[in-house]
Amino acid sequence: MHHDTGAVATGIFKGIKKHWNPLVNDANILVNVEGTLIKVPIDRRQIPFLEKEYGIGATVEIYFDGVWRIKSRPVDTNEYVLPIDERSIF
């Protein structure tokens, strides 16, 4: 996926707002960009992955392509990945 690098904003990750109904998969990431709180829509199932990648107060990049989206960090090709035999099944 390609996006316009001019439309990228950097902000502070403030938290995640989930719907009270567990059957609804919509959620929002709250990002503070220069004093403006921006809601970035995500799927609720992405929350565990985002919590591993970013902590509250972390600097995040978001971009706009009709709706706000969060930019995930690029994967380092030298990053250690567990072999299949050592991975947990849970």
Protein backbone atom coordinates (compact mmCIF):
# COMPACT_ATOMS: atom_id res chain seq x y z
CA MET A 1 0.00 0.00 0.00
CA HIS A 2 1.35 3.39 -0.98
CA HIS A 3 0.35 6.67 0.59
CA ASP A 4 1.30 10.31 0.22
CA THR A 5 4.18 11.05 2.59
CA GLY A 6 3.07 14.69 2.72
CA ALA A 7 -0.12 13.63 4.50
CA VAL A 8 1.73 11.97 7.40
CA ALA A 9 1.29 13.44 10.89
CA THR A 10 3.27 12.58 14.01
CA GLY A 11 1.54 12.54 17.37
CA ILE A 12 1.42 11.02 20.83
CA PHE A 13 -0.52 7.79 21.40
CA LYS A 14 -3.07 8.60 24.11
CA GLY A 15 -5.14 5.43 24.31
CA ILE A 16 -7.75 3.18 22.75
CA LYS A 17 -11.48 3.72 22.88
CA LYS A 18 -13.53 0.54 22.50
CA HIS A 19 -17.26 0.11 22.04
CA TRP A 20 -19.00 -1.28 25.12
CA ASN A 21 -20.61 -4.06 23.05
CA PRO A 22 -18.12 -6.96 22.61
CA LEU A 23 -19.85 -7.99 19.36
CA VAL A 24 -18.88 -4.71 17.67
CA ASN A 25 -15.39 -4.77 16.16
CA ASP A 26 -15.03 -0.99 15.76
CA ALA A 27 -12.52 0.82 17.95
CA ASN A 28 -10.53 4.06 17.81
CA ILE A 29 -6.95 4.92 18.61
CA LEU A 30 -6.65 8.36 20.17
CA VAL A 31 -3.64 10.34 18.92
CA ASN A 32 -2.75 13.86 20.07
CA VAL A 33 -1.29 15.84 17.16
CA GLU A 34 -0.24 19.36 18.18
CA GLY A 35 -3.08 19.68 20.70
CA THR A 36 -5.74 18.11 18.47
CA LEU A 37 -7.08 14.70 19.46
CA ILE A 38 -7.55 12.56 16.34
CA LYS A 39 -9.56 9.34 16.37
CA VAL A 40 -8.00 6.71 14.11
CA PRO A 41 -10.50 3.91 13.38
CA ILE A 42 -9.23 0.35 13.72
CA ASP A 43 -10.65 -3.12 14.03
CA ARG A 44 -10.90 -4.19 17.67
CA ARG A 45 -8.93 -7.36 16.85
CA GLN A 46 -5.86 -5.20 16.08
CA ILE A 47 -5.64 -3.91 19.66
CA PRO A 48 -3.27 -6.61 21.05
CA PHE A 49 -0.85 -6.01 18.17
CA LEU A 50 -0.92 -2.24 18.58
CA GLU A 51 -0.39 -2.54 22.33
CA LYS A 52 2.74 -4.62 21.67
CA GLU A 53 4.04 -2.10 19.13
CA TYR A 54 3.15 1.15 20.92
CA GLY A 55 2.74 2.07 24.55
CA ILE A 56 0.73 4.98 25.94
CA GLY A 57 2.77 8.12 25.37
CA ALA A 58 4.68 6.66 22.40
CA THR A 59 5.21 8.69 19.25
CA VAL A 60 3.15 7.35 16.35
CA GLU A 61 2.76 8.30 12.73
CA ILE A 62 -0.67 8.49 11.15
CA TYR A 63 -1.62 9.31 7.58
CA PHE A 64 -4.78 10.43 5.84
CA ASP A 65 -6.16 8.73 2.73
CA GLY A 66 -9.81 9.64 3.13
CA VAL A 67 -9.75 8.38 6.74
CA TRP A 68 -6.95 8.46 9.29
CA ARG A 69 -4.80 5.32 9.46
CA ILE A 70 -1.91 4.37 11.70
CA LYS A 71 1.50 3.62 10.20
CA SER A 72 3.05 0.48 11.61
CA ARG A 73 6.77 0.37 12.08
CA PRO A 74 8.70 -1.37 9.30
CA VAL A 75 9.92 -4.86 10.05
CA ASP A 76 13.66 -5.10 10.54
CA THR A 77 15.01 -7.86 8.31
CA ASN A 78 17.57 -8.71 11.01
CA GLU A 79 14.91 -9.02 13.71
CA TYR A 80 14.98 -12.39 15.46
CA VAL A 81 11.94 -14.58 14.79
CA LEU A 82 11.34 -17.73 16.78
CA PRO A 83 11.63 -20.96 14.82
CA ILE A 84 8.35 -22.86 14.39
CA ASP A 85 9.37 -25.43 17.03
CA GLU A 86 9.84 -22.77 19.72
CA ARG A 87 6.60 -20.87 19.14
CA SER A 88 3.71 -21.15 21.56
CA ILE A 89 0.47 -22.59 20.25
CA PHE A 90 -1.51 -20.10 22.33
